[in-house]
Amino acid sequence: MERNEIRALLLRIVEEPGFREALIADPVYALAQIGITLDPYEVPSDGVKLPPNAEIEAELEALTDIVEAGKAHIHALLTLGGP
């Protein structure tokens, strides 16, 4: 998965309680509805357990920080010039 896809998935878990519930109840089906294929054998035998929304939001913030740092790095490379 790409970063933007991970971010979209995390946002959906946090912002849509119905999706969160569906993901816990039937992760293969819930993910298929948004175009992500998950092999049923990859689902933990004791079911899906998601962290609290606050933890997911912290992960979203970390992803945003990584993207912004990358943008700044690219900008610096493009403006420094070369030989």
PDB file of N, CA and C in Angstrom:
ATOM      1  N   MET A   1       0.836  -1.187   0.000  1.00  0.00           N
ATOM      2  CA  MET A   1       0.000   0.000   0.000  1.00  0.00           C
ATOM      3  C   MET A   1       0.879   1.249   0.000  1.00  0.00           C
ATOM      4  N   GLU A   2       0.431   2.238  -0.703  1.00  0.00           N
ATOM      5  CA  GLU A   2       1.110   3.532  -0.733  1.00  0.00           C
ATOM      6  C   GLU A   2       0.711   4.337   0.503  1.00  0.00           C
ATOM      7  N   ARG A   3       1.527   5.341   0.835  1.00  0.00           N
ATOM      8  CA  ARG A   3       1.234   6.174   2.005  1.00  0.00           C
ATOM      9  C   ARG A   3      -0.150   6.806   1.946  1.00  0.00           C
ATOM     10  N   ASN A   4      -0.516   7.286   0.755  1.00  0.00           N
ATOM     11  CA  ASN A   4      -1.817   7.952   0.649  1.00  0.00           C
ATOM     12  C   ASN A   4      -2.958   6.956   0.862  1.00  0.00           C
ATOM     13  N   GLU A   5      -2.757   5.703   0.464  1.00  0.00           N
ATOM     14  CA  GLU A   5      -3.777   4.682   0.692  1.00  0.00           C
ATOM     15  C   GLU A   5      -3.875   4.331   2.178  1.00  0.00           C
ATOM     16  N   ILE A   6      -2.728   4.250   2.831  1.00  0.00           N
ATOM     17  CA  ILE A   6      -2.710   3.976   4.269  1.00  0.00           C
ATOM     18  C   ILE A   6      -3.399   5.114   5.006  1.00  0.00           C
ATOM     19  N   ARG A   7      -3.065   6.336   4.615  1.00  0.00           N
ATOM     20  CA  ARG A   7      -3.683   7.512   5.255  1.00  0.00           C
ATOM     21  C   ARG A   7      -5.195   7.495   5.073  1.00  0.00           C
ATOM     22  N   ALA A   8      -5.660   7.186   3.865  1.00  0.00           N
ATOM     23  CA  ALA A   8      -7.098   7.144   3.597  1.00  0.00           C
ATOM     24  C   ALA A   8      -7.775   6.060   4.437  1.00  0.00           C
ATOM     25  N   LEU A   9      -7.121   4.910   4.568  1.00  0.00           N
ATOM     26  CA  LEU A   9      -7.681   3.828   5.376  1.00  0.00           C
ATOM     27  C   LEU A   9      -7.770   4.242   6.842  1.00  0.00           C
ATOM     28  N   LEU A  10      -6.695   4.816   7.364  1.00  0.00           N
ATOM     29  CA  LEU A  10      -6.699   5.246   8.763  1.00  0.00           C
ATOM     30  C   LEU A  10      -7.762   6.319   9.016  1.00  0.00           C
ATOM     31  N   LEU A  11      -7.861   7.272   8.089  1.00  0.00           N
ATOM     32  CA  LEU A  11      -8.890   8.307   8.230  1.00  0.00           C
ATOM     33  C   LEU A  11     -10.287   7.699   8.255  1.00  0.00           C
ATOM     34  N   ARG A  12     -10.508   6.743   7.405  1.00  0.00           N
ATOM     35  CA  ARG A  12     -11.826   6.112   7.338  1.00  0.00           C
ATOM     36  C   ARG A  12     -12.148   5.384   8.644  1.00  0.00           C
ATOM     37  N   ILE A  13     -11.159   4.706   9.211  1.00  0.00           N
ATOM     38  CA  ILE A  13     -11.369   4.007  10.485  1.00  0.00           C
ATOM     39  C   ILE A  13     -11.767   4.992  11.568  1.00  0.00           C
ATOM     40  N   VAL A  14     -11.083   6.139  11.602  1.00  0.00           N
ATOM     41  CA  VAL A  14     -11.341   7.143  12.638  1.00  0.00           C
ATOM     42  C   VAL A  14     -12.657   7.877  12.404  1.00  0.00           C
ATOM     43  N   GLU A  15     -12.927   8.241  11.164  1.00  0.00           N
ATOM     44  CA  GLU A  15     -14.056   9.120  10.868  1.00  0.00           C
ATOM     45  C   GLU A  15     -15.376   8.405  10.615  1.00  0.00           C
ATOM     46  N   GLU A  16     -15.331   7.121  10.319  1.00  0.00           N
ATOM     47  CA  GLU A  16     -16.551   6.378  10.005  1.00  0.00           C
ATOM     48  C   GLU A  16     -16.715   5.194  10.961  1.00  0.00           C
ATOM     49  N   PRO A  17     -17.447   5.400  12.050  1.00  0.00           N
ATOM     50  CA  PRO A  17     -17.635   4.318  13.020  1.00  0.00           C
ATOM     51  C   PRO A  17     -18.198   3.042  12.387  1.00  0.00           C
ATOM     52  N   GLY A  18     -19.064   3.189  11.395  1.00  0.00           N
ATOM     53  CA  GLY A  18     -19.628   2.019  10.724  1.00  0.00           C
ATOM     54  C   GLY A  18     -18.565   1.209   9.998  1.00  0.00           C
ATOM     55  N   PHE A  19     -17.600   1.900   9.384  1.00  0.00           N
ATOM     56  CA  PHE A  19     -16.517   1.199   8.700  1.00  0.00           C
ATOM     57  C   PHE A  19     -15.637   0.495   9.721  1.00  0.00           C
ATOM     58  N   ARG A  20     -15.349   1.179  10.817  1.00  0.00           N
ATOM     59  CA  ARG A  20     -14.537   0.566  11.882  1.00  0.00           C
ATOM     60  C   ARG A  20     -15.190  -0.727  12.365  1.00  0.00           C
ATOM     61  N   GLU A  21     -16.498  -0.670  12.608  1.00  0.00           N
ATOM     62  CA  GLU A  21     -17.229  -1.852  13.071  1.00  0.00           C
ATOM     63  C   GLU A  21     -17.193  -2.964  12.023  1.00  0.00           C
ATOM     64  N   ALA A  22     -17.376  -2.585  10.748  1.00  0.00           N
ATOM     65  CA  ALA A  22     -17.343  -3.572   9.670  1.00  0.00           C
ATOM     66  C   ALA A  22     -15.956  -4.207   9.552  1.00  0.00           C
ATOM     67  N   LEU A  23     -14.920  -3.414   9.734  1.00  0.00           N
ATOM     68  CA  LEU A  23     -13.554  -3.911   9.654  1.00  0.00           C
ATOM     69  C   LEU A  23     -13.275  -4.932  10.749  1.00  0.00           C
ATOM     70  N   ILE A  24     -13.807  -4.677  11.922  1.00  0.00           N
ATOM     71  CA  ILE A  24     -13.639  -5.617  13.029  1.00  0.00           C
ATOM     72  C   ILE A  24     -14.451  -6.885  12.776  1.00  0.00           C
ATOM     73  N   ALA A  25     -15.677  -6.725  12.293  1.00  0.00           N
ATOM     74  CA  ALA A  25     -16.578  -7.865  12.096  1.00  0.00           C
ATOM     75  C   ALA A  25     -16.155  -8.751  10.925  1.00  0.00           C
ATOM     76  N   ASP A  26     -15.777  -8.139   9.809  1.00  0.00           N
ATOM     77  CA  ASP A  26     -15.426  -8.903   8.605  1.00  0.00           C
ATOM     78  C   ASP A  26     -14.398  -8.116   7.805  1.00  0.00           C
ATOM     79  N   PRO A  27     -13.129  -8.194   8.209  1.00  0.00           N
ATOM     80  CA  PRO A  27     -12.101  -7.381   7.562  1.00  0.00           C
ATOM     81  C   PRO A  27     -11.921  -7.669   6.076  1.00  0.00           C
ATOM     82  N   VAL A  28     -12.071  -8.911   5.661  1.00  0.00           N
ATOM     83  CA  VAL A  28     -11.901  -9.250   4.251  1.00  0.00           C
ATOM     84  C   VAL A  28     -12.937  -8.511   3.413  1.00  0.00           C
ATOM     85  N   TYR A  29     -14.187  -8.565   3.845  1.00  0.00           N
ATOM     86  CA  TYR A  29     -15.265  -7.902   3.116  1.00  0.00           C
ATOM     87  C   TYR A  29     -15.128  -6.380   3.188  1.00  0.00           C
ATOM     88  N   ALA A  30     -14.872  -5.846   4.391  1.00  0.00           N
ATOM     89  CA  ALA A  30     -14.785  -4.387   4.558  1.00  0.00           C
ATOM     90  C   ALA A  30     -13.678  -3.801   3.686  1.00  0.00           C
ATOM     91  N   LEU A  31     -12.532  -4.458   3.669  1.00  0.00           N
ATOM     92  CA  LEU A  31     -11.426  -3.945   2.852  1.00  0.00           C
ATOM     93  C   LEU A  31     -11.703  -4.117   1.363  1.00  0.00           C
ATOM     94  N   ALA A  32     -12.360  -5.201   0.998  1.00  0.00           N
ATOM     95  CA  ALA A  32     -12.708  -5.404  -0.412  1.00  0.00           C
ATOM     96  C   ALA A  32     -13.608  -4.282  -0.918  1.00  0.00           C
ATOM     97  N   GLN A  33     -14.461  -3.753  -0.046  1.00  0.00           N
ATOM     98  CA  GLN A  33     -15.360  -2.671  -0.438  1.00  0.00           C
ATOM     99  C   GLN A  33     -14.618  -1.393  -0.812  1.00  0.00           C
ATOM    100  N   ILE A  34     -13.376  -1.271  -0.362  1.00  0.00           N
ATOM    101  CA  ILE A  34     -12.589  -0.086  -0.720  1.00  0.00           C
ATOM    102  C   ILE A  34     -11.397  -0.448  -1.610  1.00  0.00           C
ATOM    103  N   GLY A  35     -11.464  -1.645  -2.209  1.00  0.00           N
ATOM    104  CA  GLY A  35     -10.467  -2.030  -3.196  1.00  0.00           C
ATOM    105  C   GLY A  35      -9.190  -2.642  -2.658  1.00  0.00           C
ATOM    106  N   ILE A  36      -9.204  -3.090  -1.414  1.00  0.00           N
ATOM    107  CA  ILE A  36      -8.024  -3.715  -0.827  1.00  0.00           C
ATOM    108  C   ILE A  36      -8.307  -5.201  -0.657  1.00  0.00           C
ATOM    109  N   THR A  37      -7.428  -6.019  -1.213  1.00  0.00           N
ATOM    110  CA  THR A  37      -7.598  -7.462  -1.106  1.00  0.00           C
ATOM    111  C   THR A  37      -6.836  -7.987   0.099  1.00  0.00           C
ATOM    112  N   LEU A  38      -7.543  -8.722   0.929  1.00  0.00           N
ATOM    113  CA  LEU A  38      -6.946  -9.342   2.109  1.00  0.00           C
ATOM    114  C   LEU A  38      -7.303 -10.819   2.078  1.00  0.00           C
ATOM    115  N   ASP A  39      -6.297 -11.652   2.109  1.00  0.00           N
ATOM    116  CA  ASP A  39      -6.514 -13.092   2.140  1.00  0.00           C
ATOM    117  C   ASP A  39      -7.097 -13.454   3.510  1.00  0.00           C
ATOM    118  N   PRO A  40      -8.153 -14.244   3.533  1.00  0.00           N
ATOM    119  CA  PRO A  40      -8.751 -14.624   4.828  1.00  0.00           C
ATOM    120  C   PRO A  40      -7.749 -15.254   5.794  1.00  0.00           C
ATOM    121  N   TYR A  41      -6.720 -15.883   5.260  1.00  0.00           N
ATOM    122  CA  TYR A  41      -5.704 -16.500   6.121  1.00  0.00           C
ATOM    123  C   TYR A  41      -4.828 -15.465   6.823  1.00  0.00           C
ATOM    124  N   GLU A  42      -4.896 -14.220   6.383  1.00  0.00           N
ATOM    125  CA  GLU A  42      -4.116 -13.152   7.013  1.00  0.00           C
ATOM    126  C   GLU A  42      -4.831 -12.530   8.209  1.00  0.00           C
ATOM    127  N   VAL A  43      -6.098 -12.880   8.387  1.00  0.00           N
ATOM    128  CA  VAL A  43      -6.872 -12.345   9.509  1.00  0.00           C
ATOM    129  C   VAL A  43      -6.483 -13.131  10.765  1.00  0.00           C
ATOM    130  N   PRO A  44      -6.141 -12.436  11.837  1.00  0.00           N
ATOM    131  CA  PRO A  44      -5.784 -13.147  13.073  1.00  0.00           C
ATOM    132  C   PRO A  44      -6.896 -14.096  13.512  1.00  0.00           C
ATOM    133  N   SER A  45      -6.509 -15.251  14.012  1.00  0.00           N
ATOM    134  CA  SER A  45      -7.495 -16.256  14.414  1.00  0.00           C
ATOM    135  C   SER A  45      -8.391 -15.771  15.548  1.00  0.00           C
ATOM    136  N   ASP A  46      -7.890 -14.863  16.360  1.00  0.00           N
ATOM    137  CA  ASP A  46      -8.700 -14.341  17.466  1.00  0.00           C
ATOM    138  C   ASP A  46      -9.425 -13.041  17.090  1.00  0.00           C
ATOM    139  N   GLY A  47      -9.454 -12.726  15.793  1.00  0.00           N
ATOM    140  CA  GLY A  47     -10.193 -11.560  15.319  1.00  0.00           C
ATOM    141  C   GLY A  47      -9.354 -10.300  15.249  1.00  0.00           C
ATOM    142  N   VAL A  48      -9.955  -9.283  14.670  1.00  0.00           N
ATOM    143  CA  VAL A  48      -9.292  -7.991  14.488  1.00  0.00           C
ATOM    144  C   VAL A  48      -9.513  -7.136  15.725  1.00  0.00           C
ATOM    145  N   LYS A  49      -8.437  -6.544  16.188  1.00  0.00           N
ATOM    146  CA  LYS A  49      -8.498  -5.605  17.308  1.00  0.00           C
ATOM    147  C   LYS A  49      -7.829  -4.324  16.847  1.00  0.00           C
ATOM    148  N   LEU A  50      -8.563  -3.233  16.887  1.00  0.00           N
ATOM    149  CA  LEU A  50      -8.021  -1.949  16.453  1.00  0.00           C
ATOM    150  C   LEU A  50      -7.667  -1.098  17.667  1.00  0.00           C
ATOM    151  N   PRO A  51      -6.616  -0.299  17.543  1.00  0.00           N
ATOM    152  CA  PRO A  51      -6.278   0.611  18.644  1.00  0.00           C
ATOM    153  C   PRO A  51      -7.328   1.717  18.748  1.00  0.00           C
ATOM    154  N   PRO A  52      -7.340   2.411  19.872  1.00  0.00           N
ATOM    155  CA  PRO A  52      -8.269   3.538  20.013  1.00  0.00           C
ATOM    156  C   PRO A  52      -8.005   4.592  18.936  1.00  0.00           C
ATOM    157  N   ASN A  53      -9.038   5.356  18.622  1.00  0.00           N
ATOM    158  CA  ASN A  53      -8.912   6.395  17.591  1.00  0.00           C
ATOM    159  C   ASN A  53      -7.772   7.360  17.872  1.00  0.00           C
ATOM    160  N   ALA A  54      -7.523   7.669  19.142  1.00  0.00           N
ATOM    161  CA  ALA A  54      -6.445   8.607  19.478  1.00  0.00           C
ATOM    162  C   ALA A  54      -5.092   8.081  18.991  1.00  0.00           C
ATOM    163  N   GLU A  55      -4.871   6.779  19.101  1.00  0.00           N
ATOM    164  CA  GLU A  55      -3.612   6.200  18.625  1.00  0.00           C
ATOM    165  C   GLU A  55      -3.533   6.245  17.103  1.00  0.00           C
ATOM    166  N   ILE A  56      -4.646   5.989  16.448  1.00  0.00           N
ATOM    167  CA  ILE A  56      -4.674   6.045  14.985  1.00  0.00           C
ATOM    168  C   ILE A  56      -4.431   7.479  14.524  1.00  0.00           C
ATOM    169  N   GLU A  57      -5.030   8.438  15.204  1.00  0.00           N
ATOM    170  CA  GLU A  57      -4.820   9.847  14.864  1.00  0.00           C
ATOM    171  C   GLU A  57      -3.355  10.236  15.018  1.00  0.00           C
ATOM    172  N   ALA A  58      -2.676   9.693  16.029  1.00  0.00           N
ATOM    173  CA  ALA A  58      -1.251   9.964  16.215  1.00  0.00           C
ATOM    174  C   ALA A  58      -0.444   9.398  15.043  1.00  0.00           C
ATOM    175  N   GLU A  59      -0.825   8.225  14.547  1.00  0.00           N
ATOM    176  CA  GLU A  59      -0.163   7.642  13.383  1.00  0.00           C
ATOM    177  C   GLU A  59      -0.384   8.516  12.148  1.00  0.00           C
ATOM    178  N   LEU A  60      -1.601   9.030  12.011  1.00  0.00           N
ATOM    179  CA  LEU A  60      -1.893   9.928  10.889  1.00  0.00           C
ATOM    180  C   LEU A  60      -1.011  11.167  10.944  1.00  0.00           C
ATOM    181  N   GLU A  61      -0.850  11.707  12.131  1.00  0.00           N
ATOM    182  CA  GLU A  61      -0.003  12.889  12.288  1.00  0.00           C
ATOM    183  C   GLU A  61       1.444  12.564  11.931  1.00  0.00           C
ATOM    184  N   ALA A  62       1.914  11.398  12.341  1.00  0.00           N
ATOM    185  CA  ALA A  62       3.283  10.988  12.019  1.00  0.00           C
ATOM    186  C   ALA A  62       3.455  10.840  10.508  1.00  0.00           C
ATOM    187  N   LEU A  63       2.470  10.255   9.835  1.00  0.00           N
ATOM    188  CA  LEU A  63       2.541  10.132   8.371  1.00  0.00           C
ATOM    189  C   LEU A  63       2.596  11.505   7.712  1.00  0.00           C
ATOM    190  N   THR A  64       1.790  12.429   8.210  1.00  0.00           N
ATOM    191  CA  THR A  64       1.787  13.789   7.662  1.00  0.00           C
ATOM    192  C   THR A  64       3.152  14.431   7.843  1.00  0.00           C
ATOM    193  N   ASP A  65       3.760  14.250   9.019  1.00  0.00           N
ATOM    194  CA  ASP A  65       5.086  14.806   9.277  1.00  0.00           C
ATOM    195  C   ASP A  65       6.128  14.236   8.317  1.00  0.00           C
ATOM    196  N   ILE A  66       6.035  12.935   8.044  1.00  0.00           N
ATOM    197  CA  ILE A  66       6.978  12.294   7.123  1.00  0.00           C
ATOM    198  C   ILE A  66       6.826  12.879   5.725  1.00  0.00           C
ATOM    199  N   VAL A  67       5.597  13.043   5.284  1.00  0.00           N
ATOM    200  CA  VAL A  67       5.345  13.596   3.949  1.00  0.00           C
ATOM    201  C   VAL A  67       5.857  15.030   3.865  1.00  0.00           C
ATOM    202  N   GLU A  68       5.574  15.824   4.879  1.00  0.00           N
ATOM    203  CA  GLU A  68       6.026  17.225   4.869  1.00  0.00           C
ATOM    204  C   GLU A  68       7.543  17.313   4.885  1.00  0.00           C
ATOM    205  N   ALA A  69       8.203  16.445   5.656  1.00  0.00           N
ATOM    206  CA  ALA A  69       9.671  16.439   5.686  1.00  0.00           C
ATOM    207  C   ALA A  69      10.214  16.062   4.314  1.00  0.00           C
ATOM    208  N   GLY A  70       9.565  15.114   3.664  1.00  0.00           N
ATOM    209  CA  GLY A  70       9.985  14.719   2.319  1.00  0.00           C
ATOM    210  C   GLY A  70       9.842  15.854   1.332  1.00  0.00           C
ATOM    211  N   LYS A  71       8.743  16.589   1.425  1.00  0.00           N
ATOM    212  CA  LYS A  71       8.533  17.736   0.533  1.00  0.00           C
ATOM    213  C   LYS A  71       9.615  18.789   0.749  1.00  0.00           C
ATOM    214  N   ALA A  72       9.952  19.041   2.007  1.00  0.00           N
ATOM    215  CA  ALA A  72      10.983  20.031   2.314  1.00  0.00           C
ATOM    216  C   ALA A  72      12.328  19.570   1.776  1.00  0.00           C
ATOM    217  N   HIS A  73      12.602  18.288   1.888  1.00  0.00           N
ATOM    218  CA  HIS A  73      13.863  17.743   1.396  1.00  0.00           C
ATOM    219  C   HIS A  73      13.947  17.884  -0.125  1.00  0.00           C
ATOM    220  N   ILE A  74      12.880  17.572  -0.813  1.00  0.00           N
ATOM    221  CA  ILE A  74      12.856  17.701  -2.277  1.00  0.00           C
ATOM    222  C   ILE A  74      13.044  19.166  -2.680  1.00  0.00           C
ATOM    223  N   HIS A  75      12.350  20.055  -1.974  1.00  0.00           N
ATOM    224  CA  HIS A  75      12.483  21.484  -2.269  1.00  0.00           C
ATOM    225  C   HIS A  75      13.934  21.922  -2.094  1.00  0.00           C
ATOM    226  N   ALA A  76      14.571  21.477  -1.009  1.00  0.00           N
ATOM    227  CA  ALA A  76      15.954  21.856  -0.760  1.00  0.00           C
ATOM    228  C   ALA A  76      16.879  21.328  -1.872  1.00  0.00           C
ATOM    229  N   LEU A  77      16.646  20.100  -2.293  1.00  0.00           N
ATOM    230  CA  LEU A  77      17.466  19.536  -3.365  1.00  0.00           C
ATOM    231  C   LEU A  77      17.319  20.316  -4.666  1.00  0.00           C
ATOM    232  N   LEU A  78      16.093  20.725  -4.950  1.00  0.00           N
ATOM    233  CA  LEU A  78      15.832  21.441  -6.197  1.00  0.00           C
ATOM    234  C   LEU A  78      16.357  22.862  -6.186  1.00  0.00           C
ATOM    235  N   THR A  79      16.458  23.464  -5.010  1.00  0.00           N
ATOM    236  CA  THR A  79      16.891  24.861  -4.947  1.00  0.00           C
ATOM    237  C   THR A  79      18.373  25.021  -4.669  1.00  0.00           C
ATOM    238  N   LEU A  80      19.041  23.945  -4.269  1.00  0.00           N
ATOM    239  CA  LEU A  80      20.479  24.061  -3.975  1.00  0.00           C
ATOM    240  C   LEU A  80      21.306  24.144  -5.239  1.00  0.00           C
ATOM    241  N   GLY A  81      20.807  23.605  -6.299  1.00  0.00           N
ATOM    242  CA  GLY A  81      21.583  23.621  -7.536  1.00  0.00           C
ATOM    243  C   GLY A  81      22.701  22.614  -7.479  1.00  0.00           C
ATOM    244  N   GLY A  82      23.500  22.588  -8.473  1.00  0.00           N
ATOM    245  CA  GLY A  82      24.593  21.627  -8.541  1.00  0.00           C
ATOM    246  C   GLY A  82      25.743  22.174  -9.346  1.00  0.00           C
ATOM    247  N   PRO A  83      26.736  21.326  -9.579  1.00  0.00           N
ATOM    248  CA  PRO A  83      27.920  21.779 -10.334  1.00  0.00           C
ATOM    249  C   PRO A  83      27.597  22.178 -11.754  1.00  0.00           C
TER     250      PRO A  83
END
